[in-house]
C-alpha cells in the first residue's frame, strides 16, 4: 500500500469509514445481503395494507376511494415529500446510521398500525412508516455503490432487488395467512417487531465505506440545483427514471388492488387470494430477478443499451398479459397470465437502480434514487390506488362497489405499461455516452 493509500486508510478508519482496500469480497456480499433485508422489510411493510385492504375498509366504514386514500395515498404523499431532504442527508452524512435509524422507525410504526381504532389513527401511523422508509432505499443504494465497482453495480443491485419479491411474498401471502387466523391487526405486529432487530443489526455490523472510493472524477458535493441540472443533461437518465417510474405506476398500481380483485371476482378469503399469487411473487419474482442478475453479470451486458432493450421487451409483453388478467373471468387463464405479469414487476428494479447509479456522479446517487422513488411512488401510491378506487366507485351501479366495477377500473390502468416501454427504448440512444460522462470509466 502506498503512503497516500495508508494516509487515506488511517483517516477513514478514524471516522468509522471503510476504505476500498479493507472491504473483502465476503464483507461486500454481507452488506449486500443486509441491504437486501432492508429492502425486503420496506416492501413488506409498504404493501401489506393491500392484502388486508377489504377488512380495513369494512371495519373503518370506507369506500374503495376512501380506503385507497387512507392506505396508499397517505403513505405515498409523505414518502415523495420526505425523500428529498433525507436523500440530501444521505449524500452528506453517515449512510449506515441513517439506514439503521430509518429501519427501526418504520418497523415500530408498522406495529403501531395494528393498534389503530379510527381512520385518523391509522393515517398517522402510516405517516410514521413513511418517514422511516423514505430514507431506506436511497441509503442502501448509495452504500452498495461504494461496495461494488461500476461494472458490477447492475448485478449487485439486481441481487438487492430480490428484496422486492421476498418482501411482497411476506406482505401479501404470509400476511394473508396470518390475517385469516388472527385478524388483520396481527399482520402489522408480525412485520414490525423483526424490523427493529434488523435495524440494530445494520447499525452494529455494517461499516460506512469511503464515499466514491470506486469511482474516478470529481468528489465535490454538488448542490441540489446542480444535481437536478446534471440530471436533466443526462437525457438517458431522464428516460430510465420515467420508464421505471411508469413501470411502478402500471405494475405496482395494479398489484395494490389485485388481492381485493381476486377476493371479489372469485369469492375468496384474504388467505385464499394470497395462495393464488404466493409462488408468483416468491418464486416467479425471485427467479426473474436472479436470472436478470445473471444476465447483468455477463460481459455482453456492459453495453447498457442491451439492458434497456431487454427491459423494454419484457415490460411490453407483460403489459399484454396484464390486460388478459383483469379482462378474463376464467381463473385458470388469469393465473397463467399472472405468471407473466407478476415476475415482470420485479425484474426491472435492480437493472434500473444500477443504470441510474452509473448515470450519476457519486455524490448525486441518493438524490437520483430519491427522484426515481419520488416519481415511482407518486404513481403507484399517490395516483394509482385512489384513481382505481374512484373509478371503481364511479363505475359501480348505485355507487355500491363490486367485482365488475373494480375490473373496469383496473383495465383503465393497463395501457400505461406501453408508456413505460417507450421511455426505456428512448433511453438507449444516449445511455453509453451519458455513463461515460458521469462515471469516468471506459466501456
Protein backbone atom coordinates (compact mmCIF):
# COMPACT_ATOMS: atom_id res chain seq x y z
CA UNK A 1 0.00 0.00 0.00
CA UNK A 2 1.37 3.45 -0.97
CA UNK A 3 1.89 6.29 1.55
CA UNK A 4 -1.16 8.04 0.12
CA UNK A 5 -3.31 4.91 0.47
CA UNK A 6 -2.03 4.44 4.02
CA UNK A 7 -2.93 8.00 4.88
CA UNK A 8 -6.45 7.59 3.44
CA UNK A 9 -6.94 4.32 5.30
CA UNK A 10 -5.80 5.90 8.57
CA UNK A 11 -8.06 8.94 8.15
CA UNK A 12 -11.17 6.97 7.15
CA UNK A 13 -10.67 4.41 9.91
CA UNK A 14 -10.75 7.26 12.43
CA UNK A 15 -14.11 8.30 11.05
CA UNK A 16 -15.60 4.83 11.11
CA UNK A 17 -15.44 4.68 7.32
CA UNK A 18 -14.24 1.58 5.46
CA UNK A 19 -11.79 2.32 2.61
CA UNK A 20 -11.93 0.16 -0.50
CA UNK A 21 -8.85 -1.88 0.42
CA UNK A 22 -10.34 -3.08 3.72
CA UNK A 23 -13.63 -4.33 2.23
CA UNK A 24 -13.21 -8.02 1.42
CA UNK A 25 -15.39 -9.92 -1.02
CA UNK A 26 -17.14 -11.58 1.93
CA UNK A 27 -17.86 -8.22 3.57
CA UNK A 28 -19.22 -6.78 0.34
CA UNK A 29 -21.64 -9.66 -0.03
CA UNK A 30 -22.62 -9.47 3.62
CA UNK A 31 -23.51 -5.80 3.18
CA UNK A 32 -25.42 -6.67 0.01
CA UNK A 33 -27.45 -9.29 1.91
CA UNK A 34 -28.18 -6.87 4.77
CA UNK A 35 -29.30 -4.15 2.34
CA UNK A 36 -31.47 -6.75 0.60
CA UNK A 37 -33.05 -7.46 4.01
CA UNK A 38 -33.69 -3.73 4.48
CA UNK A 39 -35.41 -3.59 1.10
CA UNK A 40 -37.40 -6.77 1.88
CA UNK A 41 -38.83 -5.27 5.05
CA UNK A 42 -39.52 -1.99 3.26
CA UNK A 43 -41.60 -3.70 0.56
CA UNK A 44 -43.39 -5.97 3.05
CA UNK A 45 -44.35 -3.11 5.38
CA UNK A 46 -45.34 -0.89 2.45
CA UNK A 47 -47.68 -3.28 0.65
CA UNK A 48 -49.12 -5.35 3.48
CA UNK A 49 -52.05 -2.93 3.62
CA UNK A 50 -53.25 -4.03 0.17
CA UNK A 51 -53.52 -7.61 1.45
CA UNK A 52 -55.94 -6.59 4.19
CA UNK A 53 -57.48 -3.70 2.28
CA UNK A 54 -61.05 -5.02 2.34
CA UNK A 55 -61.06 -5.92 6.07
CA UNK A 56 -59.72 -2.44 6.88
CA UNK A 57 -62.33 -0.85 4.57
CA UNK A 58 -65.19 -2.76 6.21
CA UNK A 59 -64.09 -2.14 9.82
CA UNK A 60 -63.42 1.58 9.27
CA UNK A 61 -66.58 2.04 7.11
CA UNK A 62 -64.82 3.37 3.98
CA UNK A 63 -65.46 3.37 0.22
CA UNK A 64 -62.92 1.99 -2.28
CA UNK A 65 -61.64 5.51 -2.89
CA UNK A 66 -61.57 6.25 0.83
CA UNK A 67 -59.54 3.18 1.80
CA UNK A 68 -57.11 3.81 -1.09
CA UNK A 69 -56.51 7.37 0.12
CA UNK A 70 -56.05 6.19 3.70
CA UNK A 71 -53.58 3.40 2.87
CA UNK A 72 -51.84 4.23 -0.41
CA UNK A 73 -52.20 7.99 -0.86
CA UNK A 74 -51.30 8.80 2.77
CA UNK A 75 -48.12 6.74 2.53
CA UNK A 76 -47.11 7.89 -0.93
CA UNK A 77 -47.69 11.61 -0.41
CA UNK A 78 -45.39 11.87 2.60
CA UNK A 79 -42.88 9.44 1.06
CA UNK A 80 -42.36 11.57 -2.03
CA UNK A 81 -42.05 14.77 0.04
CA UNK A 82 -39.64 13.39 2.64
CA UNK A 83 -37.46 11.50 0.16
CA UNK A 84 -35.55 14.60 -0.93
CA UNK A 85 -34.39 16.00 2.44
CA UNK A 86 -33.42 12.53 3.62
CA UNK A 87 -31.50 11.88 0.40
CA UNK A 88 -29.75 15.22 0.82
CA UNK A 89 -28.55 13.97 4.22
CA UNK A 90 -27.59 10.57 2.80
CA UNK A 91 -25.33 12.22 0.20
CA UNK A 92 -23.51 14.07 3.01
CA UNK A 93 -23.73 12.09 6.27
CA UNK A 94 -23.12 8.56 7.56
CA UNK A 95 -25.40 6.35 5.44
CA UNK A 96 -25.17 3.28 7.67
CA UNK A 97 -26.55 5.20 10.64
CA UNK A 98 -29.36 6.76 8.58
CA UNK A 99 -30.45 3.41 7.12
CA UNK A 100 -30.41 1.72 10.55
CA UNK A 101 -32.39 4.53 12.21
CA UNK A 102 -34.94 4.62 9.40
CA UNK A 103 -35.48 0.85 9.56
CA UNK A 104 -36.10 0.92 13.32
CA UNK A 105 -38.52 3.85 12.98
CA UNK A 106 -40.67 2.42 10.20
CA UNK A 107 -40.79 -1.00 11.87
CA UNK A 108 -42.04 0.49 15.15
CA UNK A 109 -44.70 2.47 13.29
CA UNK A 110 -45.75 -0.62 11.32
CA UNK A 111 -46.53 -2.32 14.62
CA UNK A 112 -48.41 0.80 15.77
CA UNK A 113 -50.74 0.42 12.75
CA UNK A 114 -52.11 -2.69 14.41
CA UNK A 115 -53.39 -0.62 17.36
CA UNK A 116 -55.33 1.90 15.23
CA UNK A 117 -59.07 2.12 16.02
CA UNK A 118 -60.01 5.04 13.78
CA UNK A 119 -59.07 6.10 10.27
CA UNK A 120 -57.10 9.07 11.61
CA UNK A 121 -55.07 6.87 13.95
CA UNK A 122 -54.26 4.55 11.07
CA UNK A 123 -53.37 7.55 8.89
CA UNK A 124 -50.83 8.95 11.36
CA UNK A 125 -49.29 5.50 11.95
CA UNK A 126 -48.77 5.12 8.18
CA UNK A 127 -47.18 8.57 8.07
CA UNK A 128 -44.69 7.31 10.65
CA UNK A 129 -43.92 4.32 8.44
CA UNK A 130 -43.37 6.74 5.56
CA UNK A 131 -40.88 8.90 7.45
CA UNK A 132 -38.68 5.86 8.02
CA UNK A 133 -38.98 4.24 4.62
CA UNK A 134 -38.16 7.44 2.73
CA UNK A 135 -34.51 7.04 3.78
CA UNK A 136 -34.08 3.28 3.50
CA UNK A 137 -33.81 2.58 -0.23
CA UNK A 138 -31.75 5.66 -1.24
CA UNK A 139 -29.32 4.98 1.61
CA UNK A 140 -28.96 1.31 0.71
CA UNK A 141 -28.37 2.13 -2.97
CA UNK A 142 -25.70 4.68 -2.15
CA UNK A 143 -23.94 2.29 0.25
CA UNK A 144 -23.87 -0.55 -2.27
CA UNK A 145 -22.44 1.70 -4.97
CA UNK A 146 -19.35 2.18 -2.79
CA UNK A 147 -19.01 -1.56 -2.12
CA UNK A 148 -19.33 -2.72 -5.75
CA UNK A 149 -17.47 -1.27 -8.76
CA UNK A 150 -19.35 0.26 -11.66
CA UNK A 151 -19.21 -2.82 -13.89
CA UNK A 152 -20.79 -4.92 -11.11
CA UNK A 153 -23.41 -2.45 -9.85
CA UNK A 154 -26.23 -3.58 -12.10
CA UNK A 155 -25.61 -7.16 -10.90
CA UNK A 156 -25.33 -6.18 -7.22
CA UNK A 157 -28.43 -4.01 -7.32
CA UNK A 158 -30.33 -6.78 -9.05
CA UNK A 159 -29.47 -9.08 -6.12
CA UNK A 160 -30.55 -6.22 -3.84
CA UNK A 161 -33.82 -6.13 -5.77
CA UNK A 162 -34.58 -9.69 -4.60
CA UNK A 163 -35.95 -7.87 -1.57
CA UNK A 164 -38.97 -6.90 -3.66
CA UNK A 165 -40.35 -10.42 -4.39
CA UNK A 166 -39.43 -11.70 -0.94
CA UNK A 167 -40.98 -8.64 0.69
CA UNK A 168 -44.10 -8.93 -1.44
CA UNK A 169 -44.41 -12.61 -0.51
CA UNK A 170 -44.25 -11.64 3.16
CA UNK A 171 -46.60 -8.70 2.74
CA UNK A 172 -49.15 -10.43 0.51
CA UNK A 173 -49.06 -14.13 1.34
CA UNK A 174 -47.63 -14.68 4.81
CA UNK A 175 -49.70 -11.71 5.92
CA UNK A 176 -52.80 -13.25 4.29
CA UNK A 177 -52.38 -16.47 6.23
CA UNK A 178 -51.91 -14.56 9.49
CA UNK A 179 -54.98 -12.42 8.76
CA UNK A 180 -57.17 -15.48 8.18
CA UNK A 181 -56.17 -16.97 11.54
CA UNK A 182 -55.62 -13.93 13.78
CA UNK A 183 -57.20 -10.90 12.06
CA UNK A 184 -55.76 -8.02 10.06
CA UNK A 185 -54.17 -6.26 13.04
CA UNK A 186 -51.86 -9.17 13.80
CA UNK A 187 -50.06 -8.85 10.45
CA UNK A 188 -48.67 -5.44 11.43
CA UNK A 189 -47.27 -6.80 14.70
CA UNK A 190 -45.70 -9.76 12.89
CA UNK A 191 -43.84 -7.49 10.44
CA UNK A 192 -42.90 -4.65 12.76
CA UNK A 193 -41.00 -6.44 15.53
CA UNK A 194 -38.40 -8.25 13.33
CA UNK A 195 -37.62 -4.95 11.59
CA UNK A 196 -36.45 -3.37 14.84
CA UNK A 197 -33.97 -6.21 15.36
CA UNK A 198 -32.74 -5.93 11.77
CA UNK A 199 -32.13 -2.19 12.18
CA UNK A 200 -29.98 -2.81 15.25
CA UNK A 201 -28.01 -5.44 13.30
CA UNK A 202 -27.32 -2.98 10.46
CA UNK A 203 -26.02 -0.38 12.91
CA UNK A 204 -23.75 -2.87 14.71
CA UNK A 205 -22.33 -4.87 11.78
CA UNK A 206 -22.24 -2.72 8.61
CA UNK A 207 -19.36 -0.31 8.04
CA UNK A 208 -19.66 3.01 6.24
CA UNK A 209 -17.40 2.92 3.12
CA UNK A 210 -15.41 5.87 1.85
CA UNK A 211 -17.75 7.76 -0.46
CA UNK A 212 -16.79 7.50 -4.13
CA UNK A 213 -13.91 5.09 -3.41
CA UNK A 214 -14.64 3.01 -6.54
CA UNK A 215 -15.04 5.89 -8.98
CA UNK A 216 -12.86 8.38 -10.76
CA UNK A 217 -13.66 12.03 -11.13
CA UNK A 218 -14.69 15.00 -9.03
CA UNK A 219 -15.69 14.21 -5.45
CA UNK A 220 -17.08 17.65 -4.52
CA UNK A 221 -20.57 17.69 -3.05
CA UNK A 222 -22.99 19.30 -5.52
CA UNK A 223 -25.93 21.46 -4.54
CA UNK A 224 -29.47 20.29 -5.23
CA UNK A 225 -29.86 22.66 -8.23
CA UNK A 226 -26.54 21.38 -9.63
CA UNK A 227 -27.73 17.80 -9.22
CA UNK A 228 -31.04 18.49 -10.96
CA UNK A 229 -29.28 20.37 -13.76
CA UNK A 230 -26.86 17.48 -14.27
CA UNK A 231 -29.78 15.02 -14.27
CA UNK A 232 -31.64 16.99 -16.94
CA UNK A 233 -28.49 16.99 -19.11
CA UNK A 234 -28.35 13.19 -18.82
CA UNK A 235 -31.19 12.53 -21.26
CA UNK A 236 -30.93 8.76 -20.92
CA UNK A 237 -31.20 9.08 -17.12
CA UNK A 238 -34.45 11.04 -17.55
CA UNK A 239 -35.86 8.27 -19.76
CA UNK A 240 -34.68 5.49 -17.40
CA UNK A 241 -36.29 7.33 -14.49
CA UNK A 242 -39.53 7.83 -16.36
CA UNK A 243 -39.53 4.26 -17.66
CA UNK A 244 -39.01 2.68 -14.24
CA UNK A 245 -41.42 5.12 -12.56
CA UNK A 246 -44.20 4.36 -15.05
CA UNK A 247 -43.47 0.64 -14.60
CA UNK A 248 -44.23 1.17 -10.92
CA UNK A 249 -47.40 3.08 -11.74
CA UNK A 250 -48.53 0.25 -14.02
CA UNK A 251 -47.33 -2.88 -12.21
CA UNK A 252 -47.46 -1.97 -8.53
CA UNK A 253 -50.53 0.20 -9.04
CA UNK A 254 -52.38 -2.84 -10.37
CA UNK A 255 -50.93 -5.13 -7.69
CA UNK A 256 -52.20 -2.81 -4.95
CA UNK A 257 -55.76 -3.80 -5.86
CA UNK A 258 -55.10 -7.35 -7.10
CA UNK A 259 -55.78 -9.14 -3.75
CA UNK A 260 -59.12 -7.31 -3.50
CA UNK A 261 -59.84 -8.05 -7.17
CA UNK A 262 -59.32 -11.78 -6.60
CA UNK A 263 -61.40 -11.76 -3.41
CA UNK A 264 -64.36 -10.06 -5.12
CA UNK A 265 -64.19 -11.70 -8.55
CA UNK A 266 -63.63 -15.28 -7.43
CA UNK A 267 -65.23 -15.07 -3.95
CA UNK A 268 -62.05 -15.79 -1.98
CA UNK A 269 -60.93 -15.03 1.56
CA UNK A 270 -57.83 -12.91 2.24
CA UNK A 271 -55.72 -16.03 2.69
CA UNK A 272 -57.13 -17.80 -0.38
CA UNK A 273 -56.33 -14.80 -2.57
CA UNK A 274 -52.80 -14.86 -1.17
CA UNK A 275 -52.39 -18.52 -2.10
CA UNK A 276 -53.18 -17.72 -5.75
CA UNK A 277 -50.19 -15.39 -6.10
CA UNK A 278 -47.74 -16.59 -3.44
CA UNK A 279 -45.49 -18.63 -5.74
CA UNK A 280 -45.72 -15.95 -8.43
CA UNK A 281 -44.21 -13.39 -6.05
CA UNK A 282 -41.68 -15.56 -4.23
CA UNK A 283 -40.57 -17.95 -6.98
CA UNK A 284 -41.66 -16.15 -10.14
CA UNK A 285 -40.39 -12.76 -9.00
CA UNK A 286 -37.33 -14.26 -7.33
CA UNK A 287 -36.30 -16.31 -10.35
CA UNK A 288 -36.93 -13.37 -12.70
CA UNK A 289 -34.71 -11.20 -10.51
CA UNK A 290 -31.94 -13.83 -10.23
CA UNK A 291 -31.94 -14.53 -13.97
CA UNK A 292 -31.78 -10.81 -14.64
CA UNK A 293 -28.87 -10.51 -12.20
CA UNK A 294 -27.08 -13.36 -14.03
CA UNK A 295 -27.62 -11.56 -17.34
CA UNK A 296 -26.35 -8.28 -15.85
CA UNK A 297 -23.09 -10.03 -14.89
CA UNK A 298 -22.48 -11.24 -18.46
CA UNK A 299 -19.75 -9.45 -20.37
CA UNK A 300 -22.15 -8.55 -23.17
CA UNK A 301 -24.28 -6.54 -20.76
CA UNK A 302 -21.54 -3.95 -20.19
CA UNK A 303 -23.26 -2.26 -23.13
CA UNK A 304 -26.12 -0.52 -21.29
CA UNK A 305 -28.20 -0.33 -24.46
CA UNK A 306 -28.77 -4.07 -24.27
CA UNK A 307 -30.05 -3.71 -20.70
CA UNK A 308 -32.72 -1.15 -21.60
CA UNK A 309 -33.72 -3.15 -24.71
CA UNK A 310 -34.20 -6.23 -22.51
CA UNK A 311 -36.28 -4.27 -20.00
CA UNK A 312 -38.43 -2.70 -22.71
CA UNK A 313 -39.19 -6.07 -24.34
CA UNK A 314 -40.12 -7.70 -21.04
CA UNK A 315 -42.42 -4.88 -19.93
CA UNK A 316 -44.14 -4.76 -23.31
CA UNK A 317 -45.00 -8.47 -23.22
CA UNK A 318 -46.13 -8.30 -19.60
CA UNK A 319 -48.43 -5.36 -20.36
CA UNK A 320 -50.42 -7.53 -22.76
CA UNK A 321 -50.58 -10.30 -20.14
CA UNK A 322 -51.87 -7.88 -17.50
CA UNK A 323 -54.72 -6.87 -19.79
CA UNK A 324 -55.83 -10.51 -20.02
CA UNK A 325 -55.65 -10.94 -16.21
CA UNK A 326 -58.19 -8.22 -15.50
CA UNK A 327 -60.39 -8.87 -18.54
CA UNK A 328 -60.99 -12.63 -18.30
CA UNK A 329 -63.42 -14.31 -15.93
CA UNK A 330 -61.55 -17.61 -16.23
CA UNK A 331 -59.44 -18.16 -13.10
CA UNK A 332 -57.13 -20.68 -14.82
CA UNK A 333 -56.34 -18.23 -17.64
CA UNK A 334 -55.90 -15.38 -15.15
CA UNK A 335 -53.39 -17.48 -13.18
CA UNK A 336 -51.43 -18.28 -16.34
CA UNK A 337 -51.19 -14.58 -17.26
CA UNK A 338 -50.31 -13.61 -13.68
CA UNK A 339 -47.26 -15.86 -14.04
CA UNK A 340 -46.08 -13.48 -16.76
CA UNK A 341 -47.27 -10.22 -15.22
CA UNK A 342 -46.11 -10.59 -11.60
CA UNK A 343 -42.47 -11.58 -12.29
CA UNK A 344 -42.24 -8.62 -14.69
CA UNK A 345 -42.92 -6.09 -11.91
CA UNK A 346 -39.67 -7.20 -10.25
CA UNK A 347 -37.10 -7.83 -12.94
CA UNK A 348 -36.65 -4.17 -13.95
CA UNK A 349 -35.92 -2.88 -10.41
CA UNK A 350 -32.27 -3.93 -9.99
CA UNK A 351 -31.11 -3.01 -13.50
CA UNK A 352 -32.98 0.30 -13.23
CA UNK A 353 -31.18 1.25 -10.00
CA UNK A 354 -27.87 0.03 -11.42
CA UNK A 355 -28.23 2.11 -14.57
CA UNK A 356 -29.12 5.24 -12.61
CA UNK A 357 -26.15 4.84 -10.25
CA UNK A 358 -23.86 4.68 -13.28
CA UNK A 359 -25.52 7.76 -14.77
CA UNK A 360 -24.97 9.80 -11.59
CA UNK A 361 -21.83 11.22 -10.04
CA UNK A 362 -21.01 9.57 -6.71
CA UNK A 363 -22.42 12.37 -4.51
CA UNK A 364 -25.58 12.55 -6.58
CA UNK A 365 -26.64 8.90 -6.29
CA UNK A 366 -29.00 9.21 -3.34
CA UNK A 367 -30.66 12.23 -4.96
CA UNK A 368 -31.04 10.35 -8.28
CA UNK A 369 -32.54 7.45 -6.32
CA UNK A 370 -34.83 9.86 -4.45
CA UNK A 371 -36.01 11.32 -7.75
CA UNK A 372 -36.94 7.95 -9.25
CA UNK A 373 -38.60 6.90 -5.98
CA UNK A 374 -40.48 10.21 -5.93
CA UNK A 375 -41.85 9.55 -9.42
CA UNK A 376 -42.47 5.83 -8.81
CA UNK A 377 -44.31 6.30 -5.52
CA UNK A 378 -46.19 9.30 -6.85
CA UNK A 379 -47.52 6.91 -9.48
CA UNK A 380 -48.07 3.64 -7.65
CA UNK A 381 -49.23 5.04 -4.29
CA UNK A 382 -50.46 8.62 -4.70
CA UNK A 383 -52.09 8.34 -8.14
CA UNK A 384 -52.93 4.71 -8.97
CA UNK A 385 -54.72 3.40 -5.83
CA UNK A 386 -57.12 6.34 -5.34
CA UNK A 387 -57.64 6.64 -9.11
CA UNK A 388 -58.65 2.97 -9.38
CA UNK A 389 -60.78 3.33 -6.23
CA UNK A 390 -62.52 6.43 -7.56
CA UNK A 391 -63.16 4.80 -10.95
CA UNK A 392 -64.48 1.67 -9.21
CA UNK A 393 -66.91 3.79 -7.17
CA UNK A 394 -67.95 5.68 -10.33
CA UNK A 395 -68.48 2.54 -12.44
CA UNK A 396 -70.49 0.81 -9.68
CA UNK A 397 -74.29 0.77 -10.01
CA UNK A 398 -75.86 2.89 -7.26
CA UNK A 399 -72.28 3.54 -6.05
CA UNK A 400 -72.10 0.10 -4.42
CA UNK A 401 -68.69 -1.21 -5.43
CA UNK A 402 -68.46 -4.73 -6.78
CA UNK A 403 -66.18 -7.01 -8.78
CA UNK A 404 -67.16 -5.64 -12.21
CA UNK A 405 -66.65 -2.01 -11.27
CA UNK A 406 -63.18 -2.81 -9.93
CA UNK A 407 -62.39 -4.84 -13.08
CA UNK A 408 -63.21 -1.89 -15.36
CA UNK A 409 -61.20 0.50 -13.19
CA UNK A 410 -58.10 -1.72 -13.33
CA UNK A 411 -58.35 -2.17 -17.10
CA UNK A 412 -58.08 1.61 -17.45
CA UNK A 413 -54.56 1.47 -15.94
CA UNK A 414 -53.23 -1.45 -18.01
CA UNK A 415 -52.06 0.55 -21.11
CA UNK A 416 -49.59 2.59 -19.05
CA UNK A 417 -47.17 -0.35 -19.35
CA UNK A 418 -46.66 0.58 -23.02
CA UNK A 419 -45.82 4.13 -21.96
CA UNK A 420 -43.00 2.72 -19.80
CA UNK A 421 -41.76 0.60 -22.71
CA UNK A 422 -41.43 3.69 -24.92
CA UNK A 423 -39.24 5.53 -22.36
CA UNK A 424 -36.90 2.56 -22.00
CA UNK A 425 -36.44 2.32 -25.75
CA UNK A 426 -35.68 6.04 -25.95
CA UNK A 427 -33.04 5.71 -23.20
CA UNK A 428 -30.88 3.54 -25.47
CA UNK A 429 -30.00 6.47 -27.75
CA UNK A 430 -27.67 8.33 -25.34
CA UNK A 431 -27.01 5.96 -22.45
CA UNK A 432 -23.43 4.93 -23.34
CA UNK A 433 -22.05 8.47 -23.68
CA UNK A 434 -24.04 9.62 -20.62
CA UNK A 435 -22.48 6.86 -18.50
CA UNK A 436 -19.00 7.80 -19.67
CA UNK A 437 -19.66 11.42 -18.77
CA UNK A 438 -20.97 10.59 -15.27
CA UNK A 439 -18.69 7.80 -14.16
CA UNK A 440 -15.38 8.47 -15.87
CA UNK A 441 -14.58 4.83 -16.67
CA UNK A 442 -14.22 3.21 -20.12
CA UNK A 443 -16.78 0.89 -21.68
